């Protein structure tokens, strides 16, 4: 049996959490069902990805980023187009 804390928090019993497939970080929905409360896992949960799949997705993202960086045209202007002294002279009459 679980108790409601002063912050209205409830601990889900481990056996029930395992039965529902809940893990730390998962979201749950609470709803009133007459004089009872219904607890259901949120439908927006993504399945956990294996380490191999996560590494493969990371490698794909890294290769896309490298391709993008190769296609960027870099212009060498030889400077910023302004001098430090120009910043201090703004708004003043010369």
PDB file of N, CA and C in Angstrom:
ATOM      1  N   UNK A   1       0.849  -1.176   0.000  1.00  0.00           N
ATOM      2  CA  UNK A   1       0.000   0.000   0.000  1.00  0.00           C
ATOM      3  C   UNK A   1       0.895   1.240   0.000  1.00  0.00           C
ATOM      4  N   UNK A   2       0.571   2.206  -0.838  1.00  0.00           N
ATOM      5  CA  UNK A   2       1.335   3.438  -0.952  1.00  0.00           C
ATOM      6  C   UNK A   2       0.621   4.558  -0.211  1.00  0.00           C
ATOM      7  N   UNK A   3       1.406   5.544   0.237  1.00  0.00           N
ATOM      8  CA  UNK A   3       0.847   6.707   0.916  1.00  0.00           C
ATOM      9  C   UNK A   3       1.097   7.949   0.077  1.00  0.00           C
ATOM     10  N   UNK A   4       0.209   8.902   0.201  1.00  0.00           N
ATOM     11  CA  UNK A   4       0.365  10.189  -0.466  1.00  0.00           C
ATOM     12  C   UNK A   4       1.193  11.078   0.449  1.00  0.00           C
ATOM     13  N   UNK A   5       2.288  11.671  -0.109  1.00  0.00           N
ATOM     14  CA  UNK A   5       3.141  12.543   0.698  1.00  0.00           C
ATOM     15  C   UNK A   5       2.518  13.921   0.824  1.00  0.00           C
ATOM     16  N   UNK A   6       3.167  14.791   1.589  1.00  0.00           N
ATOM     17  CA  UNK A   6       2.673  16.159   1.767  1.00  0.00           C
ATOM     18  C   UNK A   6       2.704  16.949   0.462  1.00  0.00           C
ATOM     19  N   UNK A   7       3.513  16.490  -0.515  1.00  0.00           N
ATOM     20  CA  UNK A   7       3.580  17.133  -1.835  1.00  0.00           C
ATOM     21  C   UNK A   7       2.694  16.423  -2.847  1.00  0.00           C
ATOM     22  N   UNK A   8       1.784  15.586  -2.355  1.00  0.00           N
ATOM     23  CA  UNK A   8       0.865  14.817  -3.199  1.00  0.00           C
ATOM     24  C   UNK A   8       1.596  13.885  -4.156  1.00  0.00           C
ATOM     25  N   UNK A   9       2.703  13.317  -3.709  1.00  0.00           N
ATOM     26  CA  UNK A   9       3.447  12.368  -4.507  1.00  0.00           C
ATOM     27  C   UNK A   9       3.142  10.954  -4.023  1.00  0.00           C
ATOM     28  N   UNK A  10       3.193   9.992  -4.949  1.00  0.00           N
ATOM     29  CA  UNK A  10       2.902   8.601  -4.641  1.00  0.00           C
ATOM     30  C   UNK A  10       4.009   7.740  -5.230  1.00  0.00           C
ATOM     31  N   UNK A  11       4.432   6.728  -4.494  1.00  0.00           N
ATOM     32  CA  UNK A  11       5.403   5.770  -4.997  1.00  0.00           C
ATOM     33  C   UNK A  11       4.655   4.578  -5.571  1.00  0.00           C
ATOM     34  N   UNK A  12       4.998   4.211  -6.782  1.00  0.00           N
ATOM     35  CA  UNK A  12       4.362   3.060  -7.428  1.00  0.00           C
ATOM     36  C   UNK A  12       5.070   1.800  -6.943  1.00  0.00           C
ATOM     37  N   UNK A  13       4.348   0.816  -6.468  1.00  0.00           N
ATOM     38  CA  UNK A  13       4.997  -0.422  -6.033  1.00  0.00           C
ATOM     39  C   UNK A  13       5.791  -1.055  -7.172  1.00  0.00           C
ATOM     40  N   UNK A  14       6.957  -1.612  -6.828  1.00  0.00           N
ATOM     41  CA  UNK A  14       7.868  -2.161  -7.828  1.00  0.00           C
ATOM     42  C   UNK A  14       7.206  -3.239  -8.683  1.00  0.00           C
ATOM     43  N   UNK A  15       6.455  -4.130  -8.069  1.00  0.00           N
ATOM     44  CA  UNK A  15       5.814  -5.213  -8.825  1.00  0.00           C
ATOM     45  C   UNK A  15       4.859  -4.658  -9.879  1.00  0.00           C
ATOM     46  N   UNK A  16       4.121  -3.622  -9.523  1.00  0.00           N
ATOM     47  CA  UNK A  16       3.181  -3.012 -10.469  1.00  0.00           C
ATOM     48  C   UNK A  16       3.925  -2.275 -11.576  1.00  0.00           C
ATOM     49  N   UNK A  17       5.003  -1.568 -11.208  1.00  0.00           N
ATOM     50  CA  UNK A  17       5.797  -0.847 -12.208  1.00  0.00           C
ATOM     51  C   UNK A  17       6.411  -1.819 -13.207  1.00  0.00           C
ATOM     52  N   UNK A  18       6.923  -2.935 -12.719  1.00  0.00           N
ATOM     53  CA  UNK A  18       7.500  -3.935 -13.620  1.00  0.00           C
ATOM     54  C   UNK A  18       6.431  -4.542 -14.521  1.00  0.00           C
ATOM     55  N   UNK A  19       5.249  -4.771 -13.972  1.00  0.00           N
ATOM     56  CA  UNK A  19       4.158  -5.347 -14.753  1.00  0.00           C
ATOM     57  C   UNK A  19       3.742  -4.419 -15.898  1.00  0.00           C
ATOM     58  N   UNK A  20       3.762  -3.104 -15.636  1.00  0.00           N
ATOM     59  CA  UNK A  20       3.399  -2.118 -16.653  1.00  0.00           C
ATOM     60  C   UNK A  20       4.575  -1.718 -17.543  1.00  0.00           C
ATOM     61  N   UNK A  21       5.764  -2.190 -17.205  1.00  0.00           N
ATOM     62  CA  UNK A  21       6.943  -1.854 -17.996  1.00  0.00           C
ATOM     63  C   UNK A  21       7.441  -0.448 -17.740  1.00  0.00           C
ATOM     64  N   UNK A  22       7.169   0.090 -16.560  1.00  0.00           N
ATOM     65  CA  UNK A  22       7.603   1.442 -16.222  1.00  0.00           C
ATOM     66  C   UNK A  22       9.032   1.429 -15.714  1.00  0.00           C
ATOM     67  N   UNK A  23       9.786   2.437 -16.101  1.00  0.00           N
ATOM     68  CA  UNK A  23      11.145   2.627 -15.635  1.00  0.00           C
ATOM     69  C   UNK A  23      11.306   4.078 -15.218  1.00  0.00           C
ATOM     70  N   UNK A  24      12.338   4.378 -14.414  1.00  0.00           N
ATOM     71  CA  UNK A  24      12.559   5.771 -14.028  1.00  0.00           C
ATOM     72  C   UNK A  24      12.646   6.673 -15.256  1.00  0.00           C
ATOM     73  N   UNK A  25      11.946   7.789 -15.230  1.00  0.00           N
ATOM     74  CA  UNK A  25      11.929   8.734 -16.345  1.00  0.00           C
ATOM     75  C   UNK A  25      10.717   8.591 -17.242  1.00  0.00           C
ATOM     76  N   UNK A  26      10.004   7.466 -17.159  1.00  0.00           N
ATOM     77  CA  UNK A  26       8.798   7.298 -17.965  1.00  0.00           C
ATOM     78  C   UNK A  26       7.687   8.202 -17.434  1.00  0.00           C
ATOM     79  N   UNK A  27       6.807   8.593 -18.316  1.00  0.00           N
ATOM     80  CA  UNK A  27       5.668   9.416 -17.932  1.00  0.00           C
ATOM     81  C   UNK A  27       4.430   8.544 -17.810  1.00  0.00           C
ATOM     82  N   UNK A  28       3.538   8.935 -16.907  1.00  0.00           N
ATOM     83  CA  UNK A  28       2.301   8.200 -16.697  1.00  0.00           C
ATOM     84  C   UNK A  28       1.137   9.171 -16.702  1.00  0.00           C
ATOM     85  N   UNK A  29      -0.025   8.672 -17.049  1.00  0.00           N
ATOM     86  CA  UNK A  29      -1.247   9.479 -17.047  1.00  0.00           C
ATOM     87  C   UNK A  29      -2.113   9.034 -15.871  1.00  0.00           C
ATOM     88  N   UNK A  30      -2.702  10.006 -15.184  1.00  0.00           N
ATOM     89  CA  UNK A  30      -3.615   9.737 -14.085  1.00  0.00           C
ATOM     90  C   UNK A  30      -4.998  10.174 -14.535  1.00  0.00           C
ATOM     91  N   UNK A  31      -6.002   9.381 -14.225  1.00  0.00           N
ATOM     92  CA  UNK A  31      -7.360   9.784 -14.570  1.00  0.00           C
ATOM     93  C   UNK A  31      -8.317   9.263 -13.501  1.00  0.00           C
ATOM     94  N   UNK A  32      -9.385  10.010 -13.298  1.00  0.00           N
ATOM     95  CA  UNK A  32     -10.400   9.601 -12.340  1.00  0.00           C
ATOM     96  C   UNK A  32     -11.290   8.553 -12.985  1.00  0.00           C
ATOM     97  N   UNK A  33     -11.585   7.504 -12.223  1.00  0.00           N
ATOM     98  CA  UNK A  33     -12.453   6.426 -12.702  1.00  0.00           C
ATOM     99  C   UNK A  33     -13.478   6.149 -11.603  1.00  0.00           C
ATOM    100  N   UNK A  34     -14.484   6.996 -11.540  1.00  0.00           N
ATOM    101  CA  UNK A  34     -15.477   6.866 -10.463  1.00  0.00           C
ATOM    102  C   UNK A  34     -14.850   7.261  -9.141  1.00  0.00           C
ATOM    103  N   UNK A  35     -14.860   6.347  -8.167  1.00  0.00           N
ATOM    104  CA  UNK A  35     -14.226   6.602  -6.872  1.00  0.00           C
ATOM    105  C   UNK A  35     -12.784   6.117  -6.851  1.00  0.00           C
ATOM    106  N   UNK A  36     -12.245   5.760  -7.992  1.00  0.00           N
ATOM    107  CA  UNK A  36     -10.882   5.229  -8.092  1.00  0.00           C
ATOM    108  C   UNK A  36     -10.024   6.147  -8.948  1.00  0.00           C
ATOM    109  N   UNK A  37      -8.743   5.851  -8.956  1.00  0.00           N
ATOM    110  CA  UNK A  37      -7.789   6.570  -9.810  1.00  0.00           C
ATOM    111  C   UNK A  37      -7.179   5.550 -10.760  1.00  0.00           C
ATOM    112  N   UNK A  38      -7.147   5.881 -12.039  1.00  0.00           N
ATOM    113  CA  UNK A  38      -6.580   4.984 -13.042  1.00  0.00           C
ATOM    114  C   UNK A  38      -5.205   5.516 -13.444  1.00  0.00           C
ATOM    115  N   UNK A  39      -4.237   4.617 -13.455  1.00  0.00           N
ATOM    116  CA  UNK A  39      -2.866   4.937 -13.819  1.00  0.00           C
ATOM    117  C   UNK A  39      -2.549   4.187 -15.102  1.00  0.00           C
ATOM    118  N   UNK A  40      -2.125   4.933 -16.149  1.00  0.00           N
ATOM    119  CA  UNK A  40      -1.767   4.305 -17.416  1.00  0.00           C
ATOM    120  C   UNK A  40      -0.459   4.898 -17.924  1.00  0.00           C
ATOM    121  N   UNK A  41       0.388   4.074 -18.531  1.00  0.00           N
ATOM    122  CA  UNK A  41       1.615   4.612 -19.130  1.00  0.00           C
ATOM    123  C   UNK A  41       1.253   5.597 -20.246  1.00  0.00           C
ATOM    124  N   UNK A  42       1.979   6.707 -20.326  1.00  0.00           N
ATOM    125  CA  UNK A  42       1.726   7.697 -21.376  1.00  0.00           C
ATOM    126  C   UNK A  42       2.005   7.082 -22.734  1.00  0.00           C
ATOM    127  N   UNK A  43       1.237   7.448 -23.717  1.00  0.00           N
ATOM    128  CA  UNK A  43       1.365   6.856 -25.054  1.00  0.00           C
ATOM    129  C   UNK A  43       2.519   7.449 -25.846  1.00  0.00           C
ATOM    130  N   UNK A  44       3.119   8.526 -25.362  1.00  0.00           N
ATOM    131  CA  UNK A  44       4.177   9.205 -26.111  1.00  0.00           C
ATOM    132  C   UNK A  44       5.551   8.604 -25.863  1.00  0.00           C
ATOM    133  N   UNK A  45       5.643   7.532 -25.100  1.00  0.00           N
ATOM    134  CA  UNK A  45       6.943   6.968 -24.782  1.00  0.00           C
ATOM    135  C   UNK A  45       7.564   6.315 -26.010  1.00  0.00           C
ATOM    136  N   UNK A  46       8.818   6.585 -26.188  1.00  0.00           N
ATOM    137  CA  UNK A  46       9.577   5.990 -27.281  1.00  0.00           C
ATOM    138  C   UNK A  46      10.226   4.714 -26.769  1.00  0.00           C
ATOM    139  N   UNK A  47      10.312   3.682 -27.585  1.00  0.00           N
ATOM    140  CA  UNK A  47      10.993   2.473 -27.138  1.00  0.00           C
ATOM    141  C   UNK A  47      12.476   2.763 -26.941  1.00  0.00           C
ATOM    142  N   UNK A  48      13.065   2.102 -25.981  1.00  0.00           N
ATOM    143  CA  UNK A  48      14.494   2.288 -25.735  1.00  0.00           C
ATOM    144  C   UNK A  48      15.287   1.693 -26.881  1.00  0.00           C
ATOM    145  N   UNK A  49      16.259   2.439 -27.361  1.00  0.00           N
ATOM    146  CA  UNK A  49      17.090   1.983 -28.463  1.00  0.00           C
ATOM    147  C   UNK A  49      18.303   1.252 -27.917  1.00  0.00           C
ATOM    148  N   UNK A  50      18.752   0.250 -28.639  1.00  0.00           N
ATOM    149  CA  UNK A  50      19.940  -0.478 -28.214  1.00  0.00           C
ATOM    150  C   UNK A  50      21.168   0.413 -28.384  1.00  0.00           C
ATOM    151  N   UNK A  51      22.225   0.052 -27.707  1.00  0.00           N
ATOM    152  CA  UNK A  51      23.465   0.831 -27.786  1.00  0.00           C
ATOM    153  C   UNK A  51      23.985   0.831 -29.222  1.00  0.00           C
ATOM    154  N   UNK A  52      23.918  -0.326 -29.886  1.00  0.00           N
ATOM    155  CA  UNK A  52      24.404  -0.406 -31.276  1.00  0.00           C
ATOM    156  C   UNK A  52      23.623   0.522 -32.194  1.00  0.00           C
ATOM    157  N   UNK A  53      22.303   0.555 -32.044  1.00  0.00           N
ATOM    158  CA  UNK A  53      21.478   1.423 -32.883  1.00  0.00           C
ATOM    159  C   UNK A  53      21.753   2.890 -32.577  1.00  0.00           C
ATOM    160  N   UNK A  54      21.915   3.224 -31.299  1.00  0.00           N
ATOM    161  CA  UNK A  54      22.220   4.612 -30.937  1.00  0.00           C
ATOM    162  C   UNK A  54      23.553   5.048 -31.522  1.00  0.00           C
ATOM    163  N   UNK A  55      24.560   4.160 -31.491  1.00  0.00           N
ATOM    164  CA  UNK A  55      25.863   4.495 -32.072  1.00  0.00           C
ATOM    165  C   UNK A  55      25.764   4.661 -33.589  1.00  0.00           C
ATOM    166  N   UNK A  56      24.968   3.811 -34.224  1.00  0.00           N
ATOM    167  CA  UNK A  56      24.777   3.923 -35.672  1.00  0.00           C
ATOM    168  C   UNK A  56      24.107   5.251 -36.033  1.00  0.00           C
ATOM    169  N   UNK A  57      23.081   5.650 -35.280  1.00  0.00           N
ATOM    170  CA  UNK A  57      22.413   6.928 -35.530  1.00  0.00           C
ATOM    171  C   UNK A  57      23.360   8.100 -35.296  1.00  0.00           C
ATOM    172  N   UNK A  58      24.216   7.988 -34.280  1.00  0.00           N
ATOM    173  CA  UNK A  58      25.202   9.038 -34.013  1.00  0.00           C
ATOM    174  C   UNK A  58      26.180   9.158 -35.171  1.00  0.00           C
ATOM    175  N   UNK A  59      26.654   8.015 -35.682  1.00  0.00           N
ATOM    176  CA  UNK A  59      27.581   8.039 -36.818  1.00  0.00           C
ATOM    177  C   UNK A  59      26.934   8.654 -38.051  1.00  0.00           C
ATOM    178  N   UNK A  60      25.661   8.346 -38.294  1.00  0.00           N
ATOM    179  CA  UNK A  60      24.952   8.926 -39.434  1.00  0.00           C
ATOM    180  C   UNK A  60      24.840  10.439 -39.287  1.00  0.00           C
ATOM    181  N   UNK A  61      24.509  10.904 -38.089  1.00  0.00           N
ATOM    182  CA  UNK A  61      24.383  12.345 -37.861  1.00  0.00           C
ATOM    183  C   UNK A  61      25.728  13.036 -38.030  1.00  0.00           C
ATOM    184  N   UNK A  62      26.797  12.395 -37.565  1.00  0.00           N
ATOM    185  CA  UNK A  62      28.132  12.975 -37.696  1.00  0.00           C
ATOM    186  C   UNK A  62      28.538  13.082 -39.157  1.00  0.00           C
ATOM    187  N   UNK A  63      28.233  12.063 -39.954  1.00  0.00           N
ATOM    188  CA  UNK A  63      28.598  12.132 -41.374  1.00  0.00           C
ATOM    189  C   UNK A  63      27.796  13.207 -42.097  1.00  0.00           C
ATOM    190  N   UNK A  64      26.512  13.386 -41.726  1.00  0.00           N
ATOM    191  CA  UNK A  64      25.717  14.465 -42.341  1.00  0.00           C
ATOM    192  C   UNK A  64      26.307  15.824 -41.992  1.00  0.00           C
ATOM    193  N   UNK A  65      26.739  15.976 -40.769  1.00  0.00           N
ATOM    194  CA  UNK A  65      27.329  17.248 -40.346  1.00  0.00           C
ATOM    195  C   UNK A  65      28.624  17.516 -41.101  1.00  0.00           C
ATOM    196  N   UNK A  66      29.445  16.500 -41.272  1.00  0.00           N
ATOM    197  CA  UNK A  66      30.704  16.672 -42.020  1.00  0.00           C
ATOM    198  C   UNK A  66      30.436  17.055 -43.461  1.00  0.00           C
ATOM    199  N   UNK A  67      29.414  16.449 -44.085  1.00  0.00           N
ATOM    200  CA  UNK A  67      29.055  16.803 -45.463  1.00  0.00           C
ATOM    201  C   UNK A  67      28.638  18.260 -45.555  1.00  0.00           C
ATOM    202  N   UNK A  68      27.813  18.688 -44.608  1.00  0.00           N
ATOM    203  CA  UNK A  68      27.362  20.082 -44.600  1.00  0.00           C
ATOM    204  C   UNK A  68      28.534  21.032 -44.472  1.00  0.00           C
ATOM    205  N   UNK A  69      29.468  20.694 -43.599  1.00  0.00           N
ATOM    206  CA  UNK A  69      30.619  21.580 -43.390  1.00  0.00           C
ATOM    207  C   UNK A  69      31.514  21.634 -44.626  1.00  0.00           C
ATOM    208  N   UNK A  70      31.591  20.528 -45.390  1.00  0.00           N
ATOM    209  CA  UNK A  70      32.387  20.530 -46.621  1.00  0.00           C
ATOM    210  C   UNK A  70      31.779  21.425 -47.683  1.00  0.00           C
ATOM    211  N   UNK A  71      30.460  21.535 -47.697  1.00  0.00           N
ATOM    212  CA  UNK A  71      29.772  22.324 -48.719  1.00  0.00           C
ATOM    213  C   UNK A  71      29.720  23.808 -48.398  1.00  0.00           C
ATOM    214  N   UNK A  72      30.151  24.202 -47.219  1.00  0.00           N
ATOM    215  CA  UNK A  72      30.117  25.614 -46.842  1.00  0.00           C
ATOM    216  C   UNK A  72      31.263  26.340 -47.527  1.00  0.00           C
ATOM    217  N   UNK A  73      30.931  27.443 -48.200  1.00  0.00           N
ATOM    218  CA  UNK A  73      31.939  28.254 -48.866  1.00  0.00           C
ATOM    219  C   UNK A  73      32.423  29.295 -47.868  1.00  0.00           C
ATOM    220  N   UNK A  74      33.722  29.282 -47.646  1.00  0.00           N
ATOM    221  CA  UNK A  74      34.291  30.240 -46.692  1.00  0.00           C
ATOM    222  C   UNK A  74      34.962  31.367 -47.455  1.00  0.00           C
ATOM    223  N   UNK A  75      34.566  32.576 -47.122  1.00  0.00           N
ATOM    224  CA  UNK A  75      35.146  33.759 -47.756  1.00  0.00           C
ATOM    225  C   UNK A  75      36.193  34.336 -46.827  1.00  0.00           C
ATOM    226  N   UNK A  76      37.342  34.577 -47.360  1.00  0.00           N
ATOM    227  CA  UNK A  76      38.397  35.198 -46.582  1.00  0.00           C
ATOM    228  C   UNK A  76      38.456  36.662 -46.969  1.00  0.00           C
ATOM    229  N   UNK A  77      37.929  37.503 -46.109  1.00  0.00           N
ATOM    230  CA  UNK A  77      37.891  38.938 -46.406  1.00  0.00           C
ATOM    231  C   UNK A  77      39.122  39.643 -45.881  1.00  0.00           C
ATOM    232  N   UNK A  78      39.897  38.944 -45.070  1.00  0.00           N
ATOM    233  CA  UNK A  78      41.096  39.573 -44.553  1.00  0.00           C
ATOM    234  C   UNK A  78      40.820  40.472 -43.367  1.00  0.00           C
ATOM    235  N   UNK A  79      39.639  40.454 -42.849  1.00  0.00           N
ATOM    236  CA  UNK A  79      39.326  41.274 -41.691  1.00  0.00           C
ATOM    237  C   UNK A  79      37.842  41.290 -41.426  1.00  0.00           C
ATOM    238  N   UNK A  80      37.476  42.084 -40.445  1.00  0.00           N
ATOM    239  CA  UNK A  80      36.069  42.127 -40.047  1.00  0.00           C
ATOM    240  C   UNK A  80      35.283  43.181 -40.802  1.00  0.00           C
ATOM    241  N   UNK A  81      35.987  44.089 -41.464  1.00  0.00           N
ATOM    242  CA  UNK A  81      35.303  45.154 -42.169  1.00  0.00           C
ATOM    243  C   UNK A  81      35.136  46.404 -41.306  1.00  0.00           C
ATOM    244  N   UNK A  82      35.644  46.369 -40.092  1.00  0.00           N
ATOM    245  CA  UNK A  82      35.590  47.527 -39.207  1.00  0.00           C
ATOM    246  C   UNK A  82      36.800  47.483 -38.288  1.00  0.00           C
ATOM    247  N   UNK A  83      37.095  48.648 -37.739  1.00  0.00           N
ATOM    248  CA  UNK A  83      38.215  48.746 -36.805  1.00  0.00           C
ATOM    249  C   UNK A  83      37.678  49.027 -35.416  1.00  0.00           C
ATOM    250  N   UNK A  84      38.472  48.759 -34.427  1.00  0.00           N
ATOM    251  CA  UNK A  84      38.064  49.003 -33.040  1.00  0.00           C
ATOM    252  C   UNK A  84      37.776  50.484 -32.820  1.00  0.00           C
ATOM    253  N   UNK A  85      38.543  51.323 -33.440  1.00  0.00           N
ATOM    254  CA  UNK A  85      38.363  52.763 -33.273  1.00  0.00           C
ATOM    255  C   UNK A  85      37.007  53.213 -33.807  1.00  0.00           C
ATOM    256  N   UNK A  86      36.484  52.508 -34.809  1.00  0.00           N
ATOM    257  CA  UNK A  86      35.187  52.866 -35.372  1.00  0.00           C
ATOM    258  C   UNK A  86      34.084  52.725 -34.326  1.00  0.00           C
ATOM    259  N   UNK A  87      34.215  51.799 -33.396  1.00  0.00           N
ATOM    260  CA  UNK A  87      33.193  51.593 -32.371  1.00  0.00           C
ATOM    261  C   UNK A  87      33.078  52.782 -31.430  1.00  0.00           C
ATOM    262  N   UNK A  88      34.209  53.432 -31.148  1.00  0.00           N
ATOM    263  CA  UNK A  88      34.201  54.535 -30.200  1.00  0.00           C
ATOM    264  C   UNK A  88      33.807  55.855 -30.840  1.00  0.00           C
ATOM    265  N   UNK A  89      33.762  55.902 -32.158  1.00  0.00           N
ATOM    266  CA  UNK A  89      33.431  57.135 -32.830  1.00  0.00           C
ATOM    267  C   UNK A  89      31.968  57.211 -33.257  1.00  0.00           C
ATOM    268  N   UNK A  90      31.192  56.207 -32.966  1.00  0.00           N
ATOM    269  CA  UNK A  90      29.794  56.197 -33.391  1.00  0.00           C
ATOM    270  C   UNK A  90      28.992  57.283 -32.686  1.00  0.00           C
ATOM    271  N   UNK A  91      28.142  57.907 -33.450  1.00  0.00           N
ATOM    272  CA  UNK A  91      27.228  58.892 -32.883  1.00  0.00           C
ATOM    273  C   UNK A  91      27.849  60.250 -32.619  1.00  0.00           C
ATOM    274  N   UNK A  92      29.139  60.357 -32.807  1.00  0.00           N
ATOM    275  CA  UNK A  92      29.797  61.655 -32.569  1.00  0.00           C
ATOM    276  C   UNK A  92      29.995  62.370 -33.904  1.00  0.00           C
ATOM    277  N   UNK A  93      29.911  63.673 -33.857  1.00  0.00           N
ATOM    278  CA  UNK A  93      30.224  64.455 -35.043  1.00  0.00           C
ATOM    279  C   UNK A  93      31.734  64.586 -35.125  1.00  0.00           C
ATOM    280  N   UNK A  94      32.235  64.588 -36.312  1.00  0.00           N
ATOM    281  CA  UNK A  94      33.711  64.634 -36.460  1.00  0.00           C
ATOM    282  C   UNK A  94      34.205  65.984 -36.758  1.00  0.00           C
TER     283      UNK A  94
END
